[in-house]
Structure formats: structure tokens, C-alpha cells
Amino acid sequence: MIPEILEAIMLICFGFSWPMSVIKNIKAKTAKSMSLPFILLILSGYIAGIAGKFISGNISYVLIVYIINILSVGTNLIVYFINKGHDRAMANKTPVKVSGGN
């Protein structure tokens, strides 16, 4: 029971940062500060943790925390691709030229 509580605390501590990251990235409307490899690495880690729960047969309430975290990171992945689209759109815009009046 104690190991599960400690695992849940670890996941909750990590998990609190993801919604804040999602909100920051939505507001930023750019993927320039985001790292796709990092997001995929974190997702892979959570998937491995979930798989470990099923393989060991140690399915408990901790699985819920894993699922909440993977949904948060998955949301961040979606925001990454949306923001990449914003970045591409901004890169394709031609700047408006202002004439000097002469």
C-alpha cells in the first residue's frame, strides 16, 4: 500500500505541471518553446508505466493517475501540432509594406 501511495504522489507531482504547460502553450500560439521529442518521451514513459501495471497485475487507483497524466500530455501533444500550424501560417504571411509617402 505504501509503494502505491508514493507512486501516486510522484505521478500527482508530475501531473500538476502538465495542465499548466497546456494552458501556457495554448496562450502562446507557437510551438517554438515546445519539444516534440520531449512530449513523446514522456508519453512513452506513461505508457510503459500503464503497461507495467497490467503486466504485474497490480491494477489499483494509481492507474487513474497515470490515465489523467497521459491525457494531459496527450492534450499537450495536440496543442503542439495546432501551434506548429500557427507557426507555419505566420511564416507564410507576407509582411505588409508601408509606403513612406514619396
PDB file of N, CA and C in Angstrom:
ATOM      1  N   MET A   1       0.821  -1.208   0.000  1.00  0.00           N
ATOM      2  CA  MET A   1       0.000   0.000   0.000  1.00  0.00           C
ATOM      3  C   MET A   1       0.864   1.270   0.000  1.00  0.00           C
ATOM      4  N   ILE A   2       1.915   1.300   0.799  1.00  0.00           N
ATOM      5  CA  ILE A   2       2.800   2.460   0.858  1.00  0.00           C
ATOM      6  C   ILE A   2       3.474   2.718  -0.497  1.00  0.00           C
ATOM      7  N   PRO A   3       3.992   1.679  -1.188  1.00  0.00           N
ATOM      8  CA  PRO A   3       4.584   1.949  -2.504  1.00  0.00           C
ATOM      9  C   PRO A   3       3.590   2.567  -3.489  1.00  0.00           C
ATOM     10  N   GLU A   4       2.340   2.132  -3.463  1.00  0.00           N
ATOM     11  CA  GLU A   4       1.323   2.700  -4.351  1.00  0.00           C
ATOM     12  C   GLU A   4       1.047   4.152  -4.007  1.00  0.00           C
ATOM     13  N   ILE A   5       1.012   4.468  -2.726  1.00  0.00           N
ATOM     14  CA  ILE A   5       0.786   5.849  -2.302  1.00  0.00           C
ATOM     15  C   ILE A   5       1.946   6.730  -2.771  1.00  0.00           C
ATOM     16  N   LEU A   6       3.160   6.245  -2.610  1.00  0.00           N
ATOM     17  CA  LEU A   6       4.325   7.009  -3.047  1.00  0.00           C
ATOM     18  C   LEU A   6       4.345   7.178  -4.566  1.00  0.00           C
ATOM     19  N   GLU A   7       3.968   6.132  -5.282  1.00  0.00           N
ATOM     20  CA  GLU A   7       3.896   6.215  -6.746  1.00  0.00           C
ATOM     21  C   GLU A   7       2.839   7.233  -7.164  1.00  0.00           C
ATOM     22  N   ALA A   8       1.704   7.220  -6.481  1.00  0.00           N
ATOM     23  CA  ALA A   8       0.631   8.175  -6.790  1.00  0.00           C
ATOM     24  C   ALA A   8       1.092   9.601  -6.508  1.00  0.00           C
ATOM     25  N   ILE A   9       1.806   9.804  -5.407  1.00  0.00           N
ATOM     26  CA  ILE A   9       2.317  11.142  -5.086  1.00  0.00           C
ATOM     27  C   ILE A   9       3.278  11.621  -6.172  1.00  0.00           C
ATOM     28  N   MET A  10       4.173  10.730  -6.618  1.00  0.00           N
ATOM     29  CA  MET A  10       5.106  11.076  -7.688  1.00  0.00           C
ATOM     30  C   MET A  10       4.344  11.476  -8.950  1.00  0.00           C
ATOM     31  N   LEU A  11       3.361  10.688  -9.310  1.00  0.00           N
ATOM     32  CA  LEU A  11       2.581  10.971 -10.519  1.00  0.00           C
ATOM     33  C   LEU A  11       1.784  12.261 -10.386  1.00  0.00           C
ATOM     34  N   ILE A  12       1.244  12.505  -9.217  1.00  0.00           N
ATOM     35  CA  ILE A  12       0.481  13.739  -8.991  1.00  0.00           C
ATOM     36  C   ILE A  12       1.399  14.953  -9.099  1.00  0.00           C
ATOM     37  N   CYS A  13       2.596  14.853  -8.522  1.00  0.00           N
ATOM     38  CA  CYS A  13       3.554  15.963  -8.616  1.00  0.00           C
ATOM     39  C   CYS A  13       3.908  16.254 -10.068  1.00  0.00           C
ATOM     40  N   PHE A  14       4.197  15.210 -10.841  1.00  0.00           N
ATOM     41  CA  PHE A  14       4.474  15.411 -12.264  1.00  0.00           C
ATOM     42  C   PHE A  14       3.226  15.922 -12.981  1.00  0.00           C
ATOM     43  N   GLY A  15       2.101  15.355 -12.610  1.00  0.00           N
ATOM     44  CA  GLY A  15       0.847  15.657 -13.297  1.00  0.00           C
ATOM     45  C   GLY A  15       0.386  17.089 -13.160  1.00  0.00           C
ATOM     46  N   PHE A  16       0.720  17.753 -12.067  1.00  0.00           N
ATOM     47  CA  PHE A  16       0.290  19.144 -11.893  1.00  0.00           C
ATOM     48  C   PHE A  16       0.929  20.077 -12.914  1.00  0.00           C
ATOM     49  N   SER A  17       2.097  19.721 -13.390  1.00  0.00           N
ATOM     50  CA  SER A  17       2.779  20.611 -14.328  1.00  0.00           C
ATOM     51  C   SER A  17       2.162  20.566 -15.723  1.00  0.00           C
ATOM     52  N   TRP A  18       1.553  19.459 -16.101  1.00  0.00           N
ATOM     53  CA  TRP A  18       1.055  19.335 -17.476  1.00  0.00           C
ATOM     54  C   TRP A  18      -0.111  20.244 -17.805  1.00  0.00           C
ATOM     55  N   PRO A  19      -1.132  20.371 -16.967  1.00  0.00           N
ATOM     56  CA  PRO A  19      -2.204  21.318 -17.309  1.00  0.00           C
ATOM     57  C   PRO A  19      -1.692  22.755 -17.413  1.00  0.00           C
ATOM     58  N   MET A  20      -0.722  23.113 -16.539  1.00  0.00           N
ATOM     59  CA  MET A  20      -0.149  24.462 -16.620  1.00  0.00           C
ATOM     60  C   MET A  20       0.598  24.644 -17.938  1.00  0.00           C
ATOM     61  N   SER A  21       1.284  23.614 -18.381  1.00  0.00           N
ATOM     62  CA  SER A  21       2.000  23.659 -19.654  1.00  0.00           C
ATOM     63  C   SER A  21       1.030  23.788 -20.818  1.00  0.00           C
ATOM     64  N   VAL A  22      -0.051  23.050 -20.767  1.00  0.00           N
ATOM     65  CA  VAL A  22      -1.061  23.119 -21.834  1.00  0.00           C
ATOM     66  C   VAL A  22      -1.625  24.538 -21.931  1.00  0.00           C
ATOM     67  N   ILE A  23      -1.976  25.115 -20.800  1.00  0.00           N
ATOM     68  CA  ILE A  23      -2.544  26.477 -20.787  1.00  0.00           C
ATOM     69  C   ILE A  23      -1.537  27.476 -21.344  1.00  0.00           C
ATOM     70  N   LYS A  24      -0.280  27.367 -20.904  1.00  0.00           N
ATOM     71  CA  LYS A  24       0.776  28.271 -21.386  1.00  0.00           C
ATOM     72  C   LYS A  24       0.952  28.142 -22.893  1.00  0.00           C
ATOM     73  N   ASN A  25       0.945  26.909 -23.392  1.00  0.00           N
ATOM     74  CA  ASN A  25       1.155  26.687 -24.819  1.00  0.00           C
ATOM     75  C   ASN A  25      -0.034  27.115 -25.664  1.00  0.00           C
ATOM     76  N   ILE A  26      -1.232  26.977 -25.132  1.00  0.00           N
ATOM     77  CA  ILE A  26      -2.420  27.464 -25.849  1.00  0.00           C
ATOM     78  C   ILE A  26      -2.346  28.983 -25.990  1.00  0.00           C
ATOM     79  N   LYS A  27      -1.998  29.655 -24.894  1.00  0.00           N
ATOM     80  CA  LYS A  27      -1.907  31.117 -24.921  1.00  0.00           C
ATOM     81  C   LYS A  27      -0.781  31.597 -25.832  1.00  0.00           C
ATOM     82  N   ALA A  28       0.318  30.855 -25.879  1.00  0.00           N
ATOM     83  CA  ALA A  28       1.487  31.267 -26.670  1.00  0.00           C
ATOM     84  C   ALA A  28       1.214  31.214 -28.171  1.00  0.00           C
ATOM     85  N   LYS A  29       0.387  30.279 -28.606  1.00  0.00           N
ATOM     86  CA  LYS A  29       0.066  30.088 -30.034  1.00  0.00           C
ATOM     87  C   LYS A  29       1.315  29.878 -30.897  1.00  0.00           C
ATOM     88  N   THR A  30       2.346  29.301 -30.296  1.00  0.00           N
ATOM     89  CA  THR A  30       3.559  28.955 -31.032  1.00  0.00           C
ATOM     90  C   THR A  30       4.147  27.684 -30.423  1.00  0.00           C
ATOM     91  N   ALA A  31       4.794  26.911 -31.270  1.00  0.00           N
ATOM     92  CA  ALA A  31       5.433  25.677 -30.807  1.00  0.00           C
ATOM     93  C   ALA A  31       6.928  25.885 -30.584  1.00  0.00           C
ATOM     94  N   LYS A  32       7.381  27.113 -30.678  1.00  0.00           N
ATOM     95  CA  LYS A  32       8.814  27.396 -30.590  1.00  0.00           C
ATOM     96  C   LYS A  32       9.419  26.998 -29.249  1.00  0.00           C
ATOM     97  N   SER A  33       8.672  27.052 -28.177  1.00  0.00           N
ATOM     98  CA  SER A  33       9.210  26.669 -26.868  1.00  0.00           C
ATOM     99  C   SER A  33       8.855  25.226 -26.499  1.00  0.00           C
ATOM    100  N   MET A  34       8.225  24.511 -27.422  1.00  0.00           N
ATOM    101  CA  MET A  34       7.799  23.133 -27.158  1.00  0.00           C
ATOM    102  C   MET A  34       8.761  22.157 -27.832  1.00  0.00           C
ATOM    103  N   SER A  35       8.881  20.967 -27.254  1.00  0.00           N
ATOM    104  CA  SER A  35       9.762  19.950 -27.816  1.00  0.00           C
ATOM    105  C   SER A  35       8.971  18.668 -28.069  1.00  0.00           C
ATOM    106  N   LEU A  36       8.799  18.333 -29.350  1.00  0.00           N
ATOM    107  CA  LEU A  36       8.081  17.113 -29.707  1.00  0.00           C
ATOM    108  C   LEU A  36       8.774  15.873 -29.150  1.00  0.00           C
ATOM    109  N   PRO A  37      10.103  15.741 -29.268  1.00  0.00           N
ATOM    110  CA  PRO A  37      10.749  14.552 -28.698  1.00  0.00           C
ATOM    111  C   PRO A  37      10.511  14.420 -27.184  1.00  0.00           C
ATOM    112  N   PHE A  38      10.526  15.535 -26.473  1.00  0.00           N
ATOM    113  CA  PHE A  38      10.289  15.508 -25.031  1.00  0.00           C
ATOM    114  C   PHE A  38       8.873  15.025 -24.725  1.00  0.00           C
ATOM    115  N   ILE A  39       7.891  15.579 -25.427  1.00  0.00           N
ATOM    116  CA  ILE A  39       6.498  15.178 -25.212  1.00  0.00           C
ATOM    117  C   ILE A  39       6.323  13.685 -25.502  1.00  0.00           C
ATOM    118  N   LEU A  40       6.913  13.212 -26.596  1.00  0.00           N
ATOM    119  CA  LEU A  40       6.799  11.792 -26.946  1.00  0.00           C
ATOM    120  C   LEU A  40       7.509  10.902 -25.938  1.00  0.00           C
ATOM    121  N   LEU A  41       8.624  11.377 -25.397  1.00  0.00           N
ATOM    122  CA  LEU A  41       9.344  10.614 -24.372  1.00  0.00           C
ATOM    123  C   LEU A  41       8.502  10.471 -23.107  1.00  0.00           C
ATOM    124  N   ILE A  42       7.880  11.542 -22.695  1.00  0.00           N
ATOM    125  CA  ILE A  42       7.014  11.499 -21.512  1.00  0.00           C
ATOM    126  C   ILE A  42       5.822  10.577 -21.759  1.00  0.00           C
ATOM    127  N   LEU A  43       5.200  10.701 -22.927  1.00  0.00           N
ATOM    128  CA  LEU A  43       4.082   9.807 -23.261  1.00  0.00           C
ATOM    129  C   LEU A  43       4.522   8.347 -23.223  1.00  0.00           C
ATOM    130  N   SER A  44       5.696   8.069 -23.772  1.00  0.00           N
ATOM    131  CA  SER A  44       6.220   6.697 -23.758  1.00  0.00           C
ATOM    132  C   SER A  44       6.418   6.193 -22.334  1.00  0.00           C
ATOM    133  N   GLY A  45       6.910   7.054 -21.467  1.00  0.00           N
ATOM    134  CA  GLY A  45       7.101   6.677 -20.074  1.00  0.00           C
ATOM    135  C   GLY A  45       5.789   6.337 -19.383  1.00  0.00           C
ATOM    136  N   TYR A  46       4.775   7.148 -19.619  1.00  0.00           N
ATOM    137  CA  TYR A  46       3.468   6.869 -19.017  1.00  0.00           C
ATOM    138  C   TYR A  46       2.863   5.585 -19.588  1.00  0.00           C
ATOM    139  N   ILE A  47       3.032   5.368 -20.882  1.00  0.00           N
ATOM    140  CA  ILE A  47       2.529   4.130 -21.492  1.00  0.00           C
ATOM    141  C   ILE A  47       3.233   2.927 -20.879  1.00  0.00           C
ATOM    142  N   ALA A  48       4.559   3.042 -20.678  1.00  0.00           N
ATOM    143  CA  ALA A  48       5.309   1.950 -20.046  1.00  0.00           C
ATOM    144  C   ALA A  48       4.823   1.713 -18.619  1.00  0.00           C
ATOM    145  N   GLY A  49       4.546   2.779 -17.895  1.00  0.00           N
ATOM    146  CA  GLY A  49       4.036   2.633 -16.528  1.00  0.00           C
ATOM    147  C   GLY A  49       2.680   1.946 -16.494  1.00  0.00           C
ATOM    148  N   ILE A  50       1.811   2.317 -17.418  1.00  0.00           N
ATOM    149  CA  ILE A  50       0.488   1.682 -17.506  1.00  0.00           C
ATOM    150  C   ILE A  50       0.640   0.217 -17.888  1.00  0.00           C
ATOM    151  N   ALA A  51       1.497  -0.060 -18.868  1.00  0.00           N
ATOM    152  CA  ALA A  51       1.733  -1.453 -19.276  1.00  0.00           C
ATOM    153  C   ALA A  51       2.273  -2.261 -18.103  1.00  0.00           C
ATOM    154  N   GLY A  52       3.182  -1.660 -17.337  1.00  0.00           N
ATOM    155  CA  GLY A  52       3.726  -2.343 -16.166  1.00  0.00           C
ATOM    156  C   GLY A  52       2.651  -2.698 -15.153  1.00  0.00           C
ATOM    157  N   LYS A  53       1.687  -1.822 -14.982  1.00  0.00           N
ATOM    158  CA  LYS A  53       0.571  -2.103 -14.061  1.00  0.00           C
ATOM    159  C   LYS A  53      -0.215  -3.329 -14.534  1.00  0.00           C
ATOM    160  N   PHE A  54      -0.492  -3.371 -15.828  1.00  0.00           N
ATOM    161  CA  PHE A  54      -1.264  -4.507 -16.352  1.00  0.00           C
ATOM    162  C   PHE A  54      -0.451  -5.799 -16.331  1.00  0.00           C
ATOM    163  N   ILE A  55       0.829  -5.716 -16.706  1.00  0.00           N
ATOM    164  CA  ILE A  55       1.666  -6.920 -16.727  1.00  0.00           C
ATOM    165  C   ILE A  55       1.845  -7.499 -15.333  1.00  0.00           C
ATOM    166  N   SER A  56       2.029  -6.626 -14.344  1.00  0.00           N
ATOM    167  CA  SER A  56       2.233  -7.106 -12.970  1.00  0.00           C
ATOM    168  C   SER A  56       0.925  -7.520 -12.304  1.00  0.00           C
ATOM    169  N   GLY A  57      -0.183  -7.125 -12.907  1.00  0.00           N
ATOM    170  CA  GLY A  57      -1.476  -7.414 -12.300  1.00  0.00           C
ATOM    171  C   GLY A  57      -1.760  -6.506 -11.110  1.00  0.00           C
ATOM    172  N   ASN A  58      -0.949  -5.477 -10.941  1.00  0.00           N
ATOM    173  CA  ASN A  58      -1.079  -4.553  -9.815  1.00  0.00           C
ATOM    174  C   ASN A  58      -1.922  -3.348 -10.225  1.00  0.00           C
ATOM    175  N   ILE A  59      -3.122  -3.623 -10.652  1.00  0.00           N
ATOM    176  CA  ILE A  59      -4.021  -2.558 -11.099  1.00  0.00           C
ATOM    177  C   ILE A  59      -4.726  -1.987  -9.875  1.00  0.00           C
ATOM    178  N   SER A  60      -4.503  -0.689  -9.643  1.00  0.00           N
ATOM    179  CA  SER A  60      -5.086  -0.027  -8.473  1.00  0.00           C
ATOM    180  C   SER A  60      -5.494   1.384  -8.868  1.00  0.00           C
ATOM    181  N   TYR A  61      -5.827   2.168  -7.860  1.00  0.00           N
ATOM    182  CA  TYR A  61      -6.228   3.550  -8.090  1.00  0.00           C
ATOM    183  C   TYR A  61      -5.111   4.358  -8.755  1.00  0.00           C
ATOM    184  N   VAL A  62      -3.870   3.926  -8.635  1.00  0.00           N
ATOM    185  CA  VAL A  62      -2.739   4.633  -9.235  1.00  0.00           C
ATOM    186  C   VAL A  62      -2.904   4.688 -10.752  1.00  0.00           C
ATOM    187  N   LEU A  63      -3.548   3.691 -11.322  1.00  0.00           N
ATOM    188  CA  LEU A  63      -3.785   3.662 -12.763  1.00  0.00           C
ATOM    189  C   LEU A  63      -4.587   4.883 -13.207  1.00  0.00           C
ATOM    190  N   ILE A  64      -5.491   5.336 -12.367  1.00  0.00           N
ATOM    191  CA  ILE A  64      -6.293   6.528 -12.680  1.00  0.00           C
ATOM    192  C   ILE A  64      -5.386   7.753 -12.829  1.00  0.00           C
ATOM    193  N   VAL A  65      -4.395   7.852 -11.948  1.00  0.00           N
ATOM    194  CA  VAL A  65      -3.471   8.990 -12.014  1.00  0.00           C
ATOM    195  C   VAL A  65      -2.642   8.917 -13.294  1.00  0.00           C
ATOM    196  N   TYR A  66      -2.197   7.706 -13.661  1.00  0.00           N
ATOM    197  CA  TYR A  66      -1.483   7.534 -14.930  1.00  0.00           C
ATOM    198  C   TYR A  66      -2.353   8.000 -16.099  1.00  0.00           C
ATOM    199  N   ILE A  67      -3.603   7.617 -16.092  1.00  0.00           N
ATOM    200  CA  ILE A  67      -4.508   7.959 -17.192  1.00  0.00           C
ATOM    201  C   ILE A  67      -4.736   9.469 -17.264  1.00  0.00           C
ATOM    202  N   ILE A  68      -4.923  10.105 -16.117  1.00  0.00           N
ATOM    203  CA  ILE A  68      -5.095  11.564 -16.091  1.00  0.00           C
ATOM    204  C   ILE A  68      -3.849  12.246 -16.661  1.00  0.00           C
ATOM    205  N   ASN A  69      -2.677  11.750 -16.256  1.00  0.00           N
ATOM    206  CA  ASN A  69      -1.424  12.345 -16.746  1.00  0.00           C
ATOM    207  C   ASN A  69      -1.246  12.135 -18.244  1.00  0.00           C
ATOM    208  N   ILE A  70      -1.542  10.939 -18.709  1.00  0.00           N
ATOM    209  CA  ILE A  70      -1.364  10.670 -20.143  1.00  0.00           C
ATOM    210  C   ILE A  70      -2.352  11.500 -20.967  1.00  0.00           C
ATOM    211  N   LEU A  71      -3.528  11.749 -20.437  1.00  0.00           N
ATOM    212  CA  LEU A  71      -4.487  12.619 -21.135  1.00  0.00           C
ATOM    213  C   LEU A  71      -3.977  14.062 -21.186  1.00  0.00           C
ATOM    214  N   SER A  72      -3.371  14.521 -20.101  1.00  0.00           N
ATOM    215  CA  SER A  72      -2.815  15.875 -20.072  1.00  0.00           C
ATOM    216  C   SER A  72      -1.664  16.022 -21.061  1.00  0.00           C
ATOM    217  N   VAL A  73      -0.767  15.044 -21.081  1.00  0.00           N
ATOM    218  CA  VAL A  73       0.363  15.098 -22.007  1.00  0.00           C
ATOM    219  C   VAL A  73      -0.138  14.936 -23.445  1.00  0.00           C
ATOM    220  N   GLY A  74      -1.141  14.093 -23.637  1.00  0.00           N
ATOM    221  CA  GLY A  74      -1.748  13.935 -24.963  1.00  0.00           C
ATOM    222  C   GLY A  74      -2.364  15.236 -25.447  1.00  0.00           C
ATOM    223  N   THR A  75      -2.981  15.969 -24.535  1.00  0.00           N
ATOM    224  CA  THR A  75      -3.535  17.281 -24.879  1.00  0.00           C
ATOM    225  C   THR A  75      -2.415  18.221 -25.298  1.00  0.00           C
ATOM    226  N   ASN A  76      -1.297  18.155 -24.583  1.00  0.00           N
ATOM    227  CA  ASN A  76      -0.151  18.984 -24.931  1.00  0.00           C
ATOM    228  C   ASN A  76       0.386  18.622 -26.317  1.00  0.00           C
ATOM    229  N   LEU A  77       0.338  17.344 -26.663  1.00  0.00           N
ATOM    230  CA  LEU A  77       0.762  16.895 -27.993  1.00  0.00           C
ATOM    231  C   LEU A  77      -0.137  17.500 -29.069  1.00  0.00           C
ATOM    232  N   ILE A  78      -1.436  17.486 -28.830  1.00  0.00           N
ATOM    233  CA  ILE A  78      -2.391  18.090 -29.776  1.00  0.00           C
ATOM    234  C   ILE A  78      -2.115  19.582 -29.923  1.00  0.00           C
ATOM    235  N   VAL A  79      -1.891  20.262 -28.791  1.00  0.00           N
ATOM    236  CA  VAL A  79      -1.598  21.699 -28.824  1.00  0.00           C
ATOM    237  C   VAL A  79      -0.307  21.961 -29.592  1.00  0.00           C
ATOM    238  N   TYR A  80       0.668  21.068 -29.460  1.00  0.00           N
ATOM    239  CA  TYR A  80       1.921  21.212 -30.208  1.00  0.00           C
ATOM    240  C   TYR A  80       1.640  21.292 -31.708  1.00  0.00           C
ATOM    241  N   PHE A  81       0.841  20.351 -32.220  1.00  0.00           N
ATOM    242  CA  PHE A  81       0.566  20.340 -33.657  1.00  0.00           C
ATOM    243  C   PHE A  81      -0.296  21.527 -34.081  1.00  0.00           C
ATOM    244  N   ILE A  82      -1.214  21.952 -33.241  1.00  0.00           N
ATOM    245  CA  ILE A  82      -2.005  23.157 -33.543  1.00  0.00           C
ATOM    246  C   ILE A  82      -1.073  24.365 -33.616  1.00  0.00           C
ATOM    247  N   ASN A  83      -0.167  24.463 -32.634  1.00  0.00           N
ATOM    248  CA  ASN A  83       0.753  25.592 -32.615  1.00  0.00           C
ATOM    249  C   ASN A  83       1.744  25.545 -33.773  1.00  0.00           C
ATOM    250  N   LYS A  84       2.155  24.346 -34.203  1.00  0.00           N
ATOM    251  CA  LYS A  84       3.007  24.232 -35.388  1.00  0.00           C
ATOM    252  C   LYS A  84       2.272  24.798 -36.598  1.00  0.00           C
ATOM    253  N   GLY A  85       0.970  24.540 -36.669  1.00  0.00           N
ATOM    254  CA  GLY A  85       0.152  25.111 -37.744  1.00  0.00           C
ATOM    255  C   GLY A  85       0.141  26.627 -37.685  1.00  0.00           C
ATOM    256  N   HIS A  86       0.008  27.182 -36.470  1.00  0.00           N
ATOM    257  CA  HIS A  86       0.073  28.643 -36.312  1.00  0.00           C
ATOM    258  C   HIS A  86       1.425  29.174 -36.793  1.00  0.00           C
ATOM    259  N   ASP A  87       2.503  28.455 -36.416  1.00  0.00           N
ATOM    260  CA  ASP A  87       3.843  28.885 -36.819  1.00  0.00           C
ATOM    261  C   ASP A  87       3.992  28.873 -38.339  1.00  0.00           C
ATOM    262  N   ARG A  88       3.483  27.826 -38.988  1.00  0.00           N
ATOM    263  CA  ARG A  88       3.558  27.745 -40.451  1.00  0.00           C
ATOM    264  C   ARG A  88       2.757  28.867 -41.098  1.00  0.00           C
ATOM    265  N   ALA A  89       1.579  29.133 -40.548  1.00  0.00           N
ATOM    266  CA  ALA A  89       0.734  30.200 -41.098  1.00  0.00           C
ATOM    267  C   ALA A  89       1.426  31.558 -40.969  1.00  0.00           C
ATOM    268  N   MET A  90       2.064  31.798 -39.837  1.00  0.00           N
ATOM    269  CA  MET A  90       2.768  33.068 -39.639  1.00  0.00           C
ATOM    270  C   MET A  90       3.985  33.164 -40.566  1.00  0.00           C
ATOM    271  N   ALA A  91       4.656  32.048 -40.796  1.00  0.00           N
ATOM    272  CA  ALA A  91       5.832  32.050 -41.677  1.00  0.00           C
ATOM    273  C   ALA A  91       5.438  32.299 -43.129  1.00  0.00           C
ATOM    274  N   ASN A  92       4.241  31.895 -43.502  1.00  0.00           N
ATOM    275  CA  ASN A  92       3.778  32.047 -44.881  1.00  0.00           C
ATOM    276  C   ASN A  92       3.156  33.408 -45.160  1.00  0.00           C
ATOM    277  N   LYS A  93       2.878  34.172 -44.119  1.00  0.00           N
ATOM    278  CA  LYS A  93       2.310  35.504 -44.315  1.00  0.00           C
ATOM    279  C   LYS A  93       3.366  36.421 -44.894  1.00  0.00           C
ATOM    280  N   THR A  94       2.961  37.191 -45.875  1.00  0.00           N
ATOM    281  CA  THR A  94       3.890  38.181 -46.402  1.00  0.00           C
ATOM    282  C   THR A  94       3.706  39.459 -45.604  1.00  0.00           C
ATOM    283  N   PRO A  95       4.803  40.074 -45.207  1.00  0.00           N
ATOM    284  CA  PRO A  95       4.675  41.296 -44.397  1.00  0.00           C
ATOM    285  C   PRO A  95       4.018  42.414 -45.208  1.00  0.00           C
ATOM    286  N   VAL A  96       3.233  43.192 -44.527  1.00  0.00           N
ATOM    287  CA  VAL A  96       2.583  44.346 -45.152  1.00  0.00           C
ATOM    288  C   VAL A  96       3.604  45.448 -45.274  1.00  0.00           C
ATOM    289  N   LYS A  97       3.775  45.968 -46.489  1.00  0.00           N
ATOM    290  CA  LYS A  97       4.736  47.046 -46.718  1.00  0.00           C
ATOM    291  C   LYS A  97       4.017  48.375 -46.550  1.00  0.00           C
ATOM    292  N   VAL A  98       4.645  49.229 -45.783  1.00  0.00           N
ATOM    293  CA  VAL A  98       4.095  50.559 -45.563  1.00  0.00           C
ATOM    294  C   VAL A  98       4.923  51.528 -46.387  1.00  0.00           C
ATOM    295  N   SER A  99       4.239  52.261 -47.249  1.00  0.00           N
ATOM    296  CA  SER A  99       4.973  53.213 -48.095  1.00  0.00           C
ATOM    297  C   SER A  99       5.264  54.473 -47.305  1.00  0.00           C
ATOM    298  N   GLY A 100       6.359  55.113 -47.688  1.00  0.00           N
ATOM    299  CA  GLY A 100       6.816  56.303 -46.971  1.00  0.00           C
ATOM    300  C   GLY A 100       6.148  57.593 -47.434  1.00  0.00           C
ATOM    301  N   GLY A 101       5.272  57.564 -48.386  1.00  0.00           N
ATOM    302  CA  GLY A 101       4.572  58.760 -48.828  1.00  0.00           C
ATOM    303  C   GLY A 101       5.214  59.454 -50.006  1.00  0.00           C
ATOM    304  N   ASN A 102       6.365  59.055 -50.474  1.00  0.00           N
ATOM    305  CA  ASN A 102       7.007  59.674 -51.638  1.00  0.00           C
ATOM    306  C   ASN A 102       6.665  58.958 -52.881  1.00  0.00           C
TER     307      ASN A 102
END
